[in-house]
Amino acid sequence: MKIETSITIEPKLPDFAAAARLGIAQAATDIHRRAVESIQSGKKSGRVYDHYFVTIKGRAVPIRARSSSHQASAPGEAPASDSGALVASISMDVHAGGLAAEIGTGRDYGLFLEEGTDKIEPRPWMKPAADQNTVVDAFVRAFQRRAG
C-alpha cells in the first residue's frame, strides 16, 4: 500500500520548485512519522493476549504463553505493535527530482489492517497520518522559509 503525492512545476519558476521539493519532503517525513507513532504509541483498547497463537483451519489456537501480555487495538484504532514488523517495513521514497513521494509498506497485512476485510474491521494507520492538513501545513512552512 502506498500513499503518493506529486506536483508538476513549470521550469521557469525555480524558487517555487525548490519550495515545492522542500514541502513534499517535509510532508512525506511528517506522514511517515505519524504513521509510525500511531502504531507504536497510540491509544489501544482491544483484547489483551497472554499467549501466542497460530491459525489452524481458520481457528486461532494458543501455542505458548507470552512473557508479557499484549493489548491489541480495537476497530478504528491504529494497529498495536507486537513484533515491530509493520513499523520496520514502513518506507519513504522521494523521487521525480524531489517532486513526488511514496510512503507505505510492502507487507500485505498493512492494507488489510488499514481497510479491513470481510472478517477484520479496519484499524487505519496510514490514511490518518496522511490527512490533508499535514500536507498543506508542510507546504505553507516550506514557502514561508523560501519567502523569508
N, C-alpha and C. Protein backbone atom coordinates (compact mmCIF):
# COMPACT_ATOMS: atom_id res chain seq x y z
N MET A 1 0.84 -1.17 0.00
CA MET A 1 0.00 0.00 0.00
C MET A 1 0.88 1.23 0.00
N LYS A 2 0.59 2.17 -0.87
CA LYS A 2 1.36 3.39 -0.97
C LYS A 2 0.43 4.59 -0.94
N ILE A 3 0.86 5.65 -0.28
CA ILE A 3 0.21 6.95 -0.36
C ILE A 3 1.16 7.79 -1.20
N GLU A 4 0.67 8.37 -2.27
CA GLU A 4 1.57 9.09 -3.17
C GLU A 4 1.07 10.51 -3.37
N THR A 5 2.01 11.45 -3.43
CA THR A 5 1.69 12.82 -3.75
C THR A 5 2.67 13.32 -4.79
N SER A 6 2.21 14.11 -5.72
CA SER A 6 3.11 14.66 -6.73
C SER A 6 2.56 15.99 -7.22
N ILE A 7 3.45 16.77 -7.81
CA ILE A 7 3.09 18.08 -8.34
C ILE A 7 3.97 18.35 -9.55
N THR A 8 3.44 19.01 -10.56
CA THR A 8 4.22 19.37 -11.74
C THR A 8 4.56 20.85 -11.63
N ILE A 9 5.83 21.18 -11.83
CA ILE A 9 6.31 22.55 -11.67
C ILE A 9 6.81 23.07 -13.02
N GLU A 10 6.47 24.30 -13.34
CA GLU A 10 6.99 24.94 -14.54
C GLU A 10 8.48 25.23 -14.32
N PRO A 11 9.36 24.89 -15.28
CA PRO A 11 10.80 25.10 -15.11
C PRO A 11 11.19 26.56 -14.91
N LYS A 12 10.37 27.52 -15.36
CA LYS A 12 10.73 28.93 -15.23
C LYS A 12 10.50 29.47 -13.82
N LEU A 13 10.05 28.64 -12.90
CA LEU A 13 9.81 29.07 -11.53
C LEU A 13 10.70 28.31 -10.55
N PRO A 14 12.03 28.50 -10.59
CA PRO A 14 12.93 27.69 -9.76
C PRO A 14 12.71 27.86 -8.26
N ASP A 15 12.38 29.07 -7.79
CA ASP A 15 12.14 29.24 -6.35
C ASP A 15 10.90 28.47 -5.92
N PHE A 16 9.88 28.49 -6.75
CA PHE A 16 8.66 27.74 -6.46
C PHE A 16 8.97 26.24 -6.45
N ALA A 17 9.76 25.80 -7.41
CA ALA A 17 10.11 24.38 -7.49
C ALA A 17 10.90 23.95 -6.26
N ALA A 18 11.84 24.78 -5.81
CA ALA A 18 12.63 24.44 -4.63
C ALA A 18 11.74 24.36 -3.39
N ALA A 19 10.81 25.30 -3.27
CA ALA A 19 9.89 25.28 -2.13
C ALA A 19 8.98 24.06 -2.20
N ALA A 20 8.53 23.70 -3.41
CA ALA A 20 7.68 22.52 -3.58
C ALA A 20 8.44 21.26 -3.19
N ARG A 21 9.71 21.15 -3.60
CA ARG A 21 10.53 19.98 -3.22
C ARG A 21 10.65 19.88 -1.71
N LEU A 22 10.91 21.01 -1.07
CA LEU A 22 11.03 21.03 0.38
C LEU A 22 9.70 20.65 1.03
N GLY A 23 8.59 21.18 0.51
CA GLY A 23 7.27 20.86 1.05
C GLY A 23 6.94 19.39 0.93
N ILE A 24 7.25 18.79 -0.22
CA ILE A 24 6.98 17.36 -0.42
C ILE A 24 7.84 16.52 0.52
N ALA A 25 9.11 16.86 0.66
CA ALA A 25 9.99 16.10 1.56
C ALA A 25 9.50 16.21 3.00
N GLN A 26 9.09 17.41 3.41
CA GLN A 26 8.61 17.60 4.79
C GLN A 26 7.28 16.88 5.00
N ALA A 27 6.39 16.96 4.02
CA ALA A 27 5.09 16.28 4.15
C ALA A 27 5.30 14.77 4.25
N ALA A 28 6.16 14.22 3.40
CA ALA A 28 6.43 12.78 3.42
C ALA A 28 7.02 12.36 4.77
N THR A 29 7.95 13.15 5.28
CA THR A 29 8.57 12.86 6.58
C THR A 29 7.52 12.91 7.69
N ASP A 30 6.64 13.92 7.65
CA ASP A 30 5.58 14.03 8.66
C ASP A 30 4.63 12.83 8.61
N ILE A 31 4.22 12.44 7.41
CA ILE A 31 3.31 11.30 7.25
C ILE A 31 3.96 10.03 7.77
N HIS A 32 5.22 9.80 7.41
CA HIS A 32 5.95 8.61 7.88
C HIS A 32 6.00 8.61 9.41
N ARG A 33 6.37 9.74 10.01
CA ARG A 33 6.49 9.83 11.46
C ARG A 33 5.15 9.57 12.15
N ARG A 34 4.08 10.18 11.64
CA ARG A 34 2.77 9.98 12.26
C ARG A 34 2.29 8.54 12.14
N ALA A 35 2.55 7.90 11.01
CA ALA A 35 2.14 6.50 10.84
C ALA A 35 2.85 5.61 11.86
N VAL A 36 4.16 5.80 12.00
CA VAL A 36 4.94 5.01 12.97
C VAL A 36 4.44 5.27 14.39
N GLU A 37 4.27 6.54 14.74
CA GLU A 37 3.82 6.88 16.09
C GLU A 37 2.44 6.31 16.41
N SER A 38 1.54 6.31 15.43
CA SER A 38 0.20 5.80 15.70
C SER A 38 0.22 4.32 16.04
N ILE A 39 1.14 3.58 15.44
CA ILE A 39 1.25 2.15 15.71
C ILE A 39 1.98 1.91 17.03
N GLN A 40 3.06 2.64 17.25
CA GLN A 40 3.90 2.38 18.42
C GLN A 40 3.34 2.93 19.73
N SER A 41 2.62 4.06 19.66
CA SER A 41 2.24 4.66 20.93
C SER A 41 0.81 5.16 20.99
N GLY A 42 0.04 4.94 19.97
CA GLY A 42 -1.35 5.38 20.01
C GLY A 42 -2.15 4.60 21.05
N LYS A 43 -3.29 5.17 21.45
CA LYS A 43 -4.16 4.52 22.43
C LYS A 43 -4.68 3.20 21.88
N LYS A 44 -4.61 2.16 22.69
CA LYS A 44 -5.11 0.84 22.31
C LYS A 44 -6.08 0.36 23.37
N SER A 45 -7.20 -0.19 22.92
CA SER A 45 -8.20 -0.65 23.89
C SER A 45 -8.83 -1.98 23.47
N GLY A 46 -8.10 -2.75 22.68
CA GLY A 46 -8.61 -4.05 22.25
C GLY A 46 -8.35 -5.15 23.27
N ARG A 47 -8.47 -6.39 22.80
CA ARG A 47 -8.27 -7.56 23.68
C ARG A 47 -6.84 -7.64 24.20
N VAL A 48 -6.69 -8.25 25.35
CA VAL A 48 -5.37 -8.50 25.92
C VAL A 48 -5.06 -9.98 25.72
N TYR A 49 -3.88 -10.25 25.16
CA TYR A 49 -3.47 -11.62 24.86
C TYR A 49 -2.32 -12.04 25.77
N ASP A 50 -2.43 -13.23 26.35
CA ASP A 50 -1.38 -13.78 27.20
C ASP A 50 -0.66 -14.94 26.53
N HIS A 51 -1.08 -15.30 25.30
CA HIS A 51 -0.47 -16.41 24.57
C HIS A 51 -0.18 -15.99 23.12
N TYR A 52 0.73 -16.69 22.50
CA TYR A 52 0.94 -16.59 21.06
C TYR A 52 -0.01 -17.57 20.40
N PHE A 53 -0.48 -17.23 19.21
CA PHE A 53 -1.46 -18.06 18.52
C PHE A 53 -0.98 -18.40 17.11
N VAL A 54 -1.46 -19.53 16.60
CA VAL A 54 -1.35 -19.87 15.18
C VAL A 54 -2.78 -20.14 14.70
N THR A 55 -2.98 -19.99 13.41
CA THR A 55 -4.30 -20.25 12.85
C THR A 55 -4.29 -21.61 12.17
N ILE A 56 -5.17 -22.49 12.60
CA ILE A 56 -5.30 -23.82 12.03
C ILE A 56 -6.75 -23.99 11.59
N LYS A 57 -6.92 -24.20 10.28
CA LYS A 57 -8.26 -24.36 9.69
C LYS A 57 -9.18 -23.21 10.09
N GLY A 58 -8.64 -21.99 10.05
CA GLY A 58 -9.43 -20.80 10.32
C GLY A 58 -9.70 -20.53 11.79
N ARG A 59 -9.06 -21.28 12.66
CA ARG A 59 -9.29 -21.13 14.10
C ARG A 59 -7.98 -20.78 14.80
N ALA A 60 -8.00 -19.77 15.69
CA ALA A 60 -6.81 -19.38 16.44
C ALA A 60 -6.57 -20.39 17.56
N VAL A 61 -5.36 -20.93 17.60
CA VAL A 61 -5.00 -21.93 18.61
C VAL A 61 -3.78 -21.41 19.39
N PRO A 62 -3.90 -21.31 20.73
CA PRO A 62 -2.75 -20.83 21.51
C PRO A 62 -1.61 -21.86 21.46
N ILE A 63 -0.38 -21.36 21.29
CA ILE A 63 0.75 -22.29 21.21
C ILE A 63 1.71 -22.17 22.39
N ARG A 64 1.86 -20.97 22.95
CA ARG A 64 2.69 -20.83 24.14
C ARG A 64 2.40 -19.50 24.83
N ALA A 65 2.70 -19.46 26.11
CA ALA A 65 2.45 -18.25 26.90
C ALA A 65 3.44 -17.14 26.51
N ARG A 66 2.99 -15.91 26.57
CA ARG A 66 3.86 -14.75 26.34
C ARG A 66 4.59 -14.42 27.64
N SER A 67 5.75 -13.82 27.52
CA SER A 67 6.46 -13.38 28.72
C SER A 67 5.77 -12.16 29.32
N SER A 68 5.08 -11.38 28.49
CA SER A 68 4.25 -10.27 28.98
C SER A 68 3.03 -10.18 28.07
N SER A 69 1.95 -9.69 28.61
CA SER A 69 0.72 -9.63 27.83
C SER A 69 0.80 -8.55 26.75
N HIS A 70 -0.04 -8.70 25.74
CA HIS A 70 -0.10 -7.76 24.62
C HIS A 70 -1.53 -7.25 24.49
N GLN A 71 -1.69 -5.91 24.47
CA GLN A 71 -3.01 -5.34 24.26
C GLN A 71 -3.14 -4.96 22.79
N ALA A 72 -4.10 -5.57 22.13
CA ALA A 72 -4.33 -5.32 20.72
C ALA A 72 -5.12 -4.03 20.54
N SER A 73 -5.22 -3.57 19.31
CA SER A 73 -6.05 -2.41 19.01
C SER A 73 -7.49 -2.86 18.82
N ALA A 74 -8.39 -1.94 19.05
CA ALA A 74 -9.81 -2.17 18.78
C ALA A 74 -10.11 -1.62 17.39
N PRO A 75 -11.20 -2.04 16.77
CA PRO A 75 -11.56 -1.48 15.46
C PRO A 75 -11.59 0.04 15.52
N GLY A 76 -11.02 0.67 14.48
CA GLY A 76 -10.95 2.12 14.42
C GLY A 76 -9.67 2.70 14.97
N GLU A 77 -8.95 1.94 15.79
CA GLU A 77 -7.65 2.39 16.32
C GLU A 77 -6.54 1.90 15.39
N ALA A 78 -5.41 2.59 15.41
CA ALA A 78 -4.25 2.11 14.67
C ALA A 78 -3.83 0.77 15.25
N PRO A 79 -3.20 -0.10 14.43
CA PRO A 79 -2.76 -1.40 14.95
C PRO A 79 -1.81 -1.23 16.14
N ALA A 80 -1.85 -2.19 17.04
CA ALA A 80 -0.93 -2.20 18.17
C ALA A 80 0.32 -2.96 17.76
N SER A 81 1.47 -2.37 17.98
CA SER A 81 2.72 -3.02 17.62
C SER A 81 2.96 -4.23 18.52
N ASP A 82 3.28 -5.35 17.91
CA ASP A 82 3.58 -6.56 18.67
C ASP A 82 5.02 -6.98 18.37
N SER A 83 5.29 -7.35 17.14
CA SER A 83 6.64 -7.77 16.77
C SER A 83 7.48 -6.60 16.23
N GLY A 84 6.83 -5.51 15.84
CA GLY A 84 7.54 -4.38 15.24
C GLY A 84 7.74 -4.50 13.75
N ALA A 85 7.26 -5.59 13.15
CA ALA A 85 7.49 -5.84 11.72
C ALA A 85 6.79 -4.81 10.83
N LEU A 86 5.57 -4.41 11.17
CA LEU A 86 4.87 -3.43 10.34
C LEU A 86 5.59 -2.09 10.36
N VAL A 87 5.95 -1.61 11.54
CA VAL A 87 6.67 -0.34 11.65
C VAL A 87 8.00 -0.41 10.90
N ALA A 88 8.72 -1.50 11.05
CA ALA A 88 10.02 -1.64 10.37
C ALA A 88 9.87 -1.65 8.86
N SER A 89 8.70 -2.03 8.37
CA SER A 89 8.50 -2.13 6.92
C SER A 89 8.03 -0.83 6.28
N ILE A 90 7.68 0.18 7.07
CA ILE A 90 7.18 1.44 6.51
C ILE A 90 8.35 2.19 5.88
N SER A 91 8.22 2.43 4.59
CA SER A 91 9.30 3.10 3.88
C SER A 91 8.82 4.42 3.29
N MET A 92 9.78 5.28 2.98
CA MET A 92 9.51 6.56 2.35
C MET A 92 10.47 6.71 1.19
N ASP A 93 9.94 7.03 0.02
CA ASP A 93 10.77 7.20 -1.17
C ASP A 93 10.41 8.52 -1.83
N VAL A 94 11.35 9.47 -1.83
CA VAL A 94 11.17 10.74 -2.53
C VAL A 94 11.84 10.58 -3.88
N HIS A 95 11.11 10.85 -4.96
CA HIS A 95 11.65 10.64 -6.31
C HIS A 95 11.15 11.72 -7.26
N ALA A 96 11.35 11.54 -8.54
CA ALA A 96 10.95 12.51 -9.58
C ALA A 96 11.58 13.86 -9.30
N GLY A 97 12.87 13.83 -8.98
CA GLY A 97 13.57 15.08 -8.71
C GLY A 97 13.08 15.78 -7.46
N GLY A 98 12.54 15.04 -6.53
CA GLY A 98 12.03 15.62 -5.29
C GLY A 98 10.60 16.11 -5.39
N LEU A 99 9.93 15.85 -6.50
CA LEU A 99 8.58 16.35 -6.70
C LEU A 99 7.50 15.30 -6.48
N ALA A 100 7.88 14.14 -6.00
CA ALA A 100 6.91 13.09 -5.67
C ALA A 100 7.46 12.29 -4.50
N ALA A 101 6.56 11.73 -3.72
CA ALA A 101 6.98 10.90 -2.59
C ALA A 101 5.98 9.77 -2.40
N GLU A 102 6.48 8.64 -1.97
CA GLU A 102 5.64 7.48 -1.63
C GLU A 102 5.98 7.04 -0.22
N ILE A 103 4.96 6.79 0.56
CA ILE A 103 5.12 6.28 1.91
C ILE A 103 4.22 5.06 2.00
N GLY A 104 4.74 3.96 2.47
CA GLY A 104 3.90 2.77 2.56
C GLY A 104 4.65 1.57 3.05
N THR A 105 4.03 0.42 2.91
CA THR A 105 4.61 -0.85 3.34
C THR A 105 4.41 -1.88 2.24
N GLY A 106 5.33 -2.79 2.14
CA GLY A 106 5.19 -3.90 1.21
C GLY A 106 4.49 -5.09 1.86
N ARG A 107 4.17 -4.98 3.13
CA ARG A 107 3.50 -6.08 3.83
C ARG A 107 2.01 -6.08 3.51
N ASP A 108 1.51 -7.20 3.00
CA ASP A 108 0.11 -7.31 2.62
C ASP A 108 -0.84 -6.97 3.76
N TYR A 109 -0.50 -7.39 4.96
CA TYR A 109 -1.44 -7.18 6.06
C TYR A 109 -1.55 -5.71 6.44
N GLY A 110 -0.62 -4.85 5.98
CA GLY A 110 -0.75 -3.42 6.20
C GLY A 110 -2.02 -2.89 5.57
N LEU A 111 -2.31 -3.33 4.36
CA LEU A 111 -3.53 -2.93 3.66
C LEU A 111 -4.76 -3.54 4.33
N PHE A 112 -4.67 -4.80 4.75
CA PHE A 112 -5.80 -5.45 5.42
C PHE A 112 -6.15 -4.71 6.71
N LEU A 113 -5.12 -4.29 7.46
CA LEU A 113 -5.37 -3.54 8.69
C LEU A 113 -5.98 -2.17 8.37
N GLU A 114 -5.41 -1.49 7.38
CA GLU A 114 -5.88 -0.15 7.02
C GLU A 114 -7.35 -0.15 6.60
N GLU A 115 -7.71 -1.04 5.71
CA GLU A 115 -9.05 -1.02 5.11
C GLU A 115 -10.01 -2.06 5.66
N GLY A 116 -9.49 -3.03 6.38
CA GLY A 116 -10.33 -4.10 6.89
C GLY A 116 -10.59 -5.15 5.82
N THR A 117 -11.19 -6.24 6.22
CA THR A 117 -11.58 -7.32 5.31
C THR A 117 -12.99 -7.74 5.69
N ASP A 118 -13.48 -8.80 5.07
CA ASP A 118 -14.81 -9.27 5.45
C ASP A 118 -14.83 -9.84 6.87
N LYS A 119 -13.65 -10.17 7.44
CA LYS A 119 -13.59 -10.73 8.79
C LYS A 119 -12.92 -9.80 9.80
N ILE A 120 -12.23 -8.77 9.32
CA ILE A 120 -11.48 -7.88 10.21
C ILE A 120 -11.95 -6.45 9.99
N GLU A 121 -12.34 -5.77 11.07
CA GLU A 121 -12.73 -4.37 10.95
C GLU A 121 -11.47 -3.51 10.81
N PRO A 122 -11.58 -2.37 10.11
CA PRO A 122 -10.40 -1.54 9.84
C PRO A 122 -9.72 -1.02 11.10
N ARG A 123 -8.40 -0.94 10.99
CA ARG A 123 -7.56 -0.32 12.00
C ARG A 123 -6.63 0.64 11.26
N PRO A 124 -7.19 1.80 10.84
CA PRO A 124 -6.44 2.71 9.96
C PRO A 124 -5.21 3.31 10.64
N TRP A 125 -4.13 3.35 9.89
CA TRP A 125 -2.89 3.91 10.39
C TRP A 125 -2.22 4.81 9.35
N MET A 126 -2.42 4.57 8.06
CA MET A 126 -1.78 5.38 7.03
C MET A 126 -2.64 6.58 6.65
N LYS A 127 -3.91 6.37 6.38
CA LYS A 127 -4.76 7.49 5.95
C LYS A 127 -4.84 8.59 7.00
N PRO A 128 -5.01 8.26 8.29
CA PRO A 128 -5.00 9.34 9.29
C PRO A 128 -3.66 10.09 9.32
N ALA A 129 -2.57 9.38 9.08
CA ALA A 129 -1.25 10.03 9.07
C ALA A 129 -1.09 10.95 7.87
N ALA A 130 -1.83 10.69 6.81
CA ALA A 130 -1.71 11.47 5.57
C ALA A 130 -2.86 12.46 5.42
N ASP A 131 -3.44 12.87 6.53
CA ASP A 131 -4.57 13.80 6.41
C ASP A 131 -4.15 15.06 5.68
N GLN A 132 -5.08 15.73 5.08
CA GLN A 132 -4.80 16.87 4.20
C GLN A 132 -4.05 17.99 4.92
N ASN A 133 -4.34 18.24 6.18
CA ASN A 133 -3.68 19.33 6.89
C ASN A 133 -2.18 19.11 7.00
N THR A 134 -1.73 17.88 7.13
CA THR A 134 -0.30 17.60 7.22
C THR A 134 0.41 18.09 5.97
N VAL A 135 -0.13 17.77 4.81
CA VAL A 135 0.49 18.15 3.55
C VAL A 135 0.42 19.66 3.36
N VAL A 136 -0.74 20.24 3.60
CA VAL A 136 -0.89 21.69 3.44
C VAL A 136 0.04 22.42 4.39
N ASP A 137 0.10 22.00 5.65
CA ASP A 137 0.98 22.66 6.62
C ASP A 137 2.44 22.59 6.20
N ALA A 138 2.89 21.45 5.68
CA ALA A 138 4.28 21.31 5.22
C ALA A 138 4.57 22.27 4.08
N PHE A 139 3.64 22.41 3.14
CA PHE A 139 3.84 23.33 2.03
C PHE A 139 3.88 24.78 2.51
N VAL A 140 2.99 25.14 3.42
CA VAL A 140 2.98 26.51 3.94
C VAL A 140 4.31 26.82 4.61
N ARG A 141 4.82 25.91 5.45
CA ARG A 141 6.11 26.13 6.11
C ARG A 141 7.23 26.26 5.09
N ALA A 142 7.24 25.42 4.06
CA ALA A 142 8.29 25.47 3.04
C ALA A 142 8.26 26.79 2.28
N PHE A 143 7.09 27.25 1.90
CA PHE A 143 7.00 28.50 1.16
C PHE A 143 7.34 29.70 2.04
N GLN A 144 6.99 29.63 3.31
CA GLN A 144 7.35 30.72 4.23
C GLN A 144 8.86 30.82 4.37
N ARG A 145 9.54 29.68 4.47
CA ARG A 145 11.01 29.68 4.57
C ARG A 145 11.65 30.26 3.33
N ARG A 146 11.14 29.88 2.14
CA ARG A 146 11.72 30.35 0.88
C ARG A 146 11.47 31.86 0.71
N ALA A 147 10.34 32.34 1.19
CA ALA A 147 10.00 33.75 1.02
C ALA A 147 10.73 34.63 2.04
N GLY A 148 11.02 34.03 3.19
CA GLY A 148 11.61 34.81 4.30
C GLY A 148 13.05 34.94 4.17
